[in-house]
Amino acid sequence: MTPNRQFTSSNLRKLRKATIKGALFISLTGVLVAHTGCGSSDSSTKVQHEVVTKQEFTKGVITTVEEVTKGDFAIADEKVVPTKEESRVIVKYLDGKIDTMNMSQAQTIANADPNNKSETSTSSNRGIGQAIWWGVMGYYMGRRTSTPINQKAYKNQATYQRVNSTTNSQAMSSRKTVSTTRPKPSGSTSKTSGSSRSSKPSGSRGFFNSGSRSSGG
């Protein structure tokens, strides 16, 4: 049978000190753990940024589109204007009616044309959106600058040659490189720069499936 332990004043003082030291150790450990946890949280939620560069046109363009047969449109003229804000599309119909669209309105029509979803068209009929997409105006709407203007989008060969040698060259020479910073998507991987539109279908042939492509972007 274990005898009852008797604590002297000295033993009580030692026990009290040990208890205080233990309590302090536990408290300090809790503070350090909490601090470490906060640091990890801040690190995991820190937003990373990336620099994105793209080319923008400093000048604008006015595109005139004519209805050559019912529902079939072709570019009759394109010319460069001093600012992008002056850009517009003029549409002339067979019945004599004339419409003028700003860039935003023309963009909506071009985006709505299913034939503009790839780099080639499968349609033999040029709607307004398709015609302007394959001209100089198309560059302002997001078509890659590595895809040249297509002569079949123009009213005739003479119009195409004139626009290609003047308006197209002037628009291209007005480009400048612009860099912007944006939040980097979580888990993103580096991608080769280029258009977000779908690539050319393998072996596809269509109305606008002609013309050489340059290596520029």
Protein backbone atom coordinates (compact mmCIF):
# COMPACT_ATOMS: atom_id res chain seq x y z
CA MET A 1 0.00 0.00 0.00
CA THR A 2 1.48 3.32 -1.14
CA PRO A 3 1.75 5.78 1.69
CA ASN A 4 0.20 9.24 1.25
CA ARG A 5 2.72 11.68 -0.19
CA GLN A 6 3.34 14.71 1.97
CA PHE A 7 4.13 18.00 0.16
CA THR A 8 6.37 20.46 1.92
CA SER A 9 6.30 24.18 1.18
CA SER A 10 9.38 23.70 -1.01
CA ASN A 11 7.67 20.96 -3.00
CA LEU A 12 4.58 23.06 -3.50
CA ARG A 13 6.65 25.98 -4.84
CA LYS A 14 8.42 23.66 -7.30
CA LEU A 15 5.11 22.18 -8.45
CA ARG A 16 3.62 25.64 -8.94
CA LYS A 17 6.59 26.79 -11.06
CA ALA A 18 6.44 23.65 -13.20
CA THR A 19 2.73 24.16 -13.76
CA ILE A 20 3.22 27.79 -14.82
CA LYS A 21 6.04 26.84 -17.22
CA GLY A 22 3.89 24.12 -18.77
CA ALA A 23 0.98 26.48 -19.26
CA LEU A 24 3.24 29.09 -20.90
CA PHE A 25 4.71 26.46 -23.23
CA ILE A 26 1.25 25.32 -24.34
CA SER A 27 0.10 28.92 -24.90
CA LEU A 28 3.19 29.84 -26.96
CA THR A 29 2.86 26.67 -29.05
CA GLY A 30 -0.76 27.54 -29.86
CA VAL A 31 0.21 31.07 -30.95
CA LEU A 32 2.97 29.76 -33.25
CA VAL A 33 0.66 27.18 -34.84
CA ALA A 34 -2.03 29.80 -35.43
CA HIS A 35 0.50 32.18 -36.98
CA THR A 36 1.87 29.48 -39.26
CA GLY A 37 -1.62 28.56 -40.40
CA CYS A 38 -2.44 32.18 -41.27
CA GLY A 39 0.75 32.49 -43.28
CA SER A 40 -0.09 29.39 -45.33
CA SER A 41 -3.58 30.68 -46.03
CA ASP A 42 -2.29 34.05 -47.25
CA SER A 43 0.23 32.35 -49.52
CA SER A 44 -2.34 30.02 -51.07
CA THR A 45 -4.79 32.84 -51.84
CA LYS A 46 -2.23 35.26 -53.24
CA VAL A 47 -3.26 36.32 -56.75
CA GLN A 48 -0.60 35.92 -59.43
CA HIS A 49 -0.51 38.14 -62.47
CA GLU A 50 0.75 37.72 -66.01
CA VAL A 51 1.70 40.15 -68.75
CA VAL A 52 -0.27 39.80 -71.98
CA THR A 53 0.86 41.47 -75.20
CA LYS A 54 -1.24 42.02 -78.29
CA GLN A 55 -1.25 44.19 -81.37
CA GLU A 56 -3.79 46.93 -81.85
CA PHE A 57 -4.60 49.16 -84.79
CA THR A 58 -4.16 52.86 -84.18
CA LYS A 59 -6.17 53.83 -87.26
CA GLY A 60 -9.70 52.88 -88.26
CA VAL A 61 -11.36 51.65 -91.44
CA ILE A 62 -14.59 52.34 -93.29
CA THR A 63 -15.98 49.40 -95.27
CA THR A 64 -18.64 49.81 -97.95
CA VAL A 65 -20.60 46.65 -98.74
CA GLU A 66 -22.96 46.28 -101.70
CA GLU A 67 -25.69 43.73 -102.33
CA VAL A 68 -24.69 42.26 -105.71
CA THR A 69 -27.55 39.74 -105.92
CA LYS A 70 -30.41 39.10 -103.52
CA GLY A 71 -28.85 38.27 -100.14
CA ASP A 72 -25.30 38.17 -101.53
CA PHE A 73 -22.96 40.97 -100.43
CA ALA A 74 -19.46 41.98 -101.45
CA ILE A 75 -17.02 44.68 -100.38
CA ALA A 76 -17.10 47.59 -102.85
CA ASP A 77 -14.58 49.77 -101.04
CA GLU A 78 -12.44 50.03 -97.90
CA LYS A 79 -10.43 53.00 -96.76
CA VAL A 80 -8.38 53.93 -93.71
CA VAL A 81 -9.50 56.76 -91.39
CA PRO A 82 -7.41 58.52 -88.71
CA THR A 83 -8.97 56.89 -85.61
CA LYS A 84 -10.59 53.58 -84.69
CA GLU A 85 -13.63 55.46 -83.37
CA GLU A 86 -14.42 56.59 -86.93
CA SER A 87 -14.68 52.98 -88.15
CA ARG A 88 -18.03 51.96 -89.63
CA VAL A 89 -19.72 49.77 -92.23
CA ILE A 90 -21.91 51.21 -94.98
CA VAL A 91 -24.36 48.74 -96.53
CA LYS A 92 -25.98 49.45 -99.91
CA TYR A 93 -28.95 47.27 -100.91
CA LEU A 94 -30.33 46.48 -104.37
CA ASP A 95 -33.51 48.45 -103.63
CA GLY A 96 -31.48 51.61 -103.01
CA LYS A 97 -31.65 51.50 -99.23
CA ILE A 98 -28.47 52.41 -97.34
CA ASP A 99 -27.62 51.42 -93.77
CA THR A 100 -24.69 52.60 -91.67
CA MET A 101 -23.41 50.53 -88.76
CA ASN A 102 -20.85 51.42 -86.13
CA MET A 103 -18.15 48.94 -85.13
CA SER A 104 -20.21 47.40 -82.34
CA GLN A 105 -23.21 46.76 -84.59
CA ALA A 106 -21.04 45.32 -87.35
CA GLN A 107 -19.29 43.09 -84.81
CA THR A 108 -22.63 41.67 -83.69
CA ILE A 109 -23.56 40.75 -87.27
CA ALA A 110 -20.15 39.20 -87.96
CA ASN A 111 -20.28 37.13 -84.76
CA ALA A 112 -23.76 35.87 -85.61
CA ASP A 113 -22.63 34.42 -88.95
CA PRO A 114 -21.79 30.72 -88.40
CA ASN A 115 -19.45 30.80 -91.40
CA ASN A 116 -17.04 32.99 -89.42
CA LYS A 117 -16.40 30.40 -86.69
CA SER A 118 -13.42 28.90 -88.52
CA GLU A 119 -10.69 30.16 -90.79
CA THR A 120 -12.52 28.97 -93.90
CA SER A 121 -16.13 29.32 -94.95
CA THR A 122 -18.39 26.54 -96.21
CA SER A 123 -20.97 28.96 -97.58
CA SER A 124 -21.30 29.95 -101.23
CA ASN A 125 -23.45 32.94 -100.30
CA ARG A 126 -21.88 35.98 -98.66
CA GLY A 127 -23.97 37.54 -95.96
CA ILE A 128 -23.03 40.99 -94.67
CA GLY A 129 -21.19 39.52 -91.69
CA GLN A 130 -19.20 37.11 -93.82
CA ALA A 131 -18.20 39.74 -96.37
CA ILE A 132 -16.84 42.21 -93.83
CA TRP A 133 -15.17 39.45 -91.80
CA TRP A 134 -12.88 38.54 -94.72
CA GLY A 135 -11.93 42.11 -95.55
CA VAL A 136 -9.70 44.58 -93.70
CA MET A 137 -12.58 45.21 -91.30
CA GLY A 138 -12.28 41.60 -90.13
CA TYR A 139 -8.96 42.36 -88.42
CA TYR A 140 -10.72 44.91 -86.23
CA MET A 141 -13.25 42.27 -85.24
CA GLY A 142 -10.76 39.65 -84.11
CA ARG A 143 -9.72 37.79 -87.26
CA ARG A 144 -6.06 36.84 -87.06
CA THR A 145 -3.71 39.15 -88.94
CA SER A 146 -1.94 36.05 -90.23
CA THR A 147 -4.99 35.34 -92.42
CA PRO A 148 -4.86 37.67 -95.44
CA ILE A 149 -7.87 39.47 -96.85
CA ASN A 150 -9.68 37.24 -99.33
CA GLN A 151 -10.31 38.43 -102.84
CA LYS A 152 -13.63 36.56 -102.98
CA ALA A 153 -14.98 38.90 -100.31
CA TYR A 154 -14.65 41.82 -102.76
CA LYS A 155 -16.88 42.95 -105.57
CA ASN A 156 -14.28 42.29 -108.23
CA GLN A 157 -10.58 41.69 -108.75
CA ALA A 158 -9.81 45.37 -109.28
CA THR A 159 -11.38 46.31 -105.93
CA TYR A 160 -9.45 43.59 -104.14
CA GLN A 161 -6.11 44.65 -105.63
CA ARG A 162 -6.69 48.32 -104.83
CA VAL A 163 -7.68 47.64 -101.22
CA ASN A 164 -4.86 45.17 -100.69
CA SER A 165 -2.17 47.54 -101.94
CA THR A 166 -3.44 50.65 -100.15
CA THR A 167 -5.95 50.24 -97.31
CA ASN A 168 -4.66 46.89 -96.09
CA SER A 169 -1.03 48.06 -96.09
CA GLN A 170 -1.91 51.31 -94.30
CA ALA A 171 -3.91 49.49 -91.62
CA MET A 172 -1.15 46.96 -91.00
CA SER A 173 1.52 49.64 -90.72
CA SER A 174 -0.54 51.42 -88.05
CA ARG A 175 -0.34 48.49 -85.64
CA LYS A 176 1.39 48.81 -82.28
CA THR A 177 2.16 46.33 -79.53
CA VAL A 178 0.27 46.88 -76.28
CA SER A 179 1.08 45.13 -72.99
CA THR A 180 -1.44 44.67 -70.19
CA THR A 181 -1.35 42.91 -66.83
CA ARG A 182 -4.17 40.60 -65.80
CA PRO A 183 -4.78 38.04 -63.01
CA LYS A 184 -3.41 34.65 -63.95
CA PRO A 185 -6.08 31.93 -63.96
CA SER A 186 -5.55 29.27 -61.31
CA GLY A 187 -3.86 26.17 -62.69
CA SER A 188 -3.34 27.75 -66.09
CA THR A 189 -0.58 26.63 -68.39
CA SER A 190 1.26 28.63 -70.97
CA LYS A 191 -0.36 28.68 -74.39
CA THR A 192 0.89 29.67 -77.78
CA SER A 193 -0.49 33.08 -78.66
CA GLY A 194 -3.08 33.18 -81.41
CA SER A 195 -6.74 33.39 -82.11
CA SER A 196 -9.23 31.78 -79.75
CA ARG A 197 -11.35 30.75 -82.71
CA SER A 198 -11.36 27.12 -83.76
CA SER A 199 -8.63 25.93 -86.08
CA LYS A 200 -9.11 25.11 -89.74
CA PRO A 201 -10.96 21.80 -90.20
CA SER A 202 -8.83 19.13 -91.80
CA GLY A 203 -9.35 18.89 -95.53
CA SER A 204 -12.16 21.50 -95.55
CA ARG A 205 -12.97 23.38 -98.73
CA GLY A 206 -15.29 26.32 -98.88
CA PHE A 207 -16.17 29.61 -100.49
CA PHE A 208 -13.30 31.49 -98.86
CA ASN A 209 -10.83 28.61 -98.89
CA SER A 210 -8.17 30.33 -100.99
CA GLY A 211 -5.21 32.64 -100.65
CA SER A 212 -1.85 32.12 -99.04
CA ARG A 213 -1.24 32.60 -95.32
CA SER A 214 1.62 34.57 -93.88
CA SER A 215 3.58 33.39 -90.85
CA GLY A 216 2.88 36.56 -88.86
CA GLY A 217 0.29 36.76 -86.10
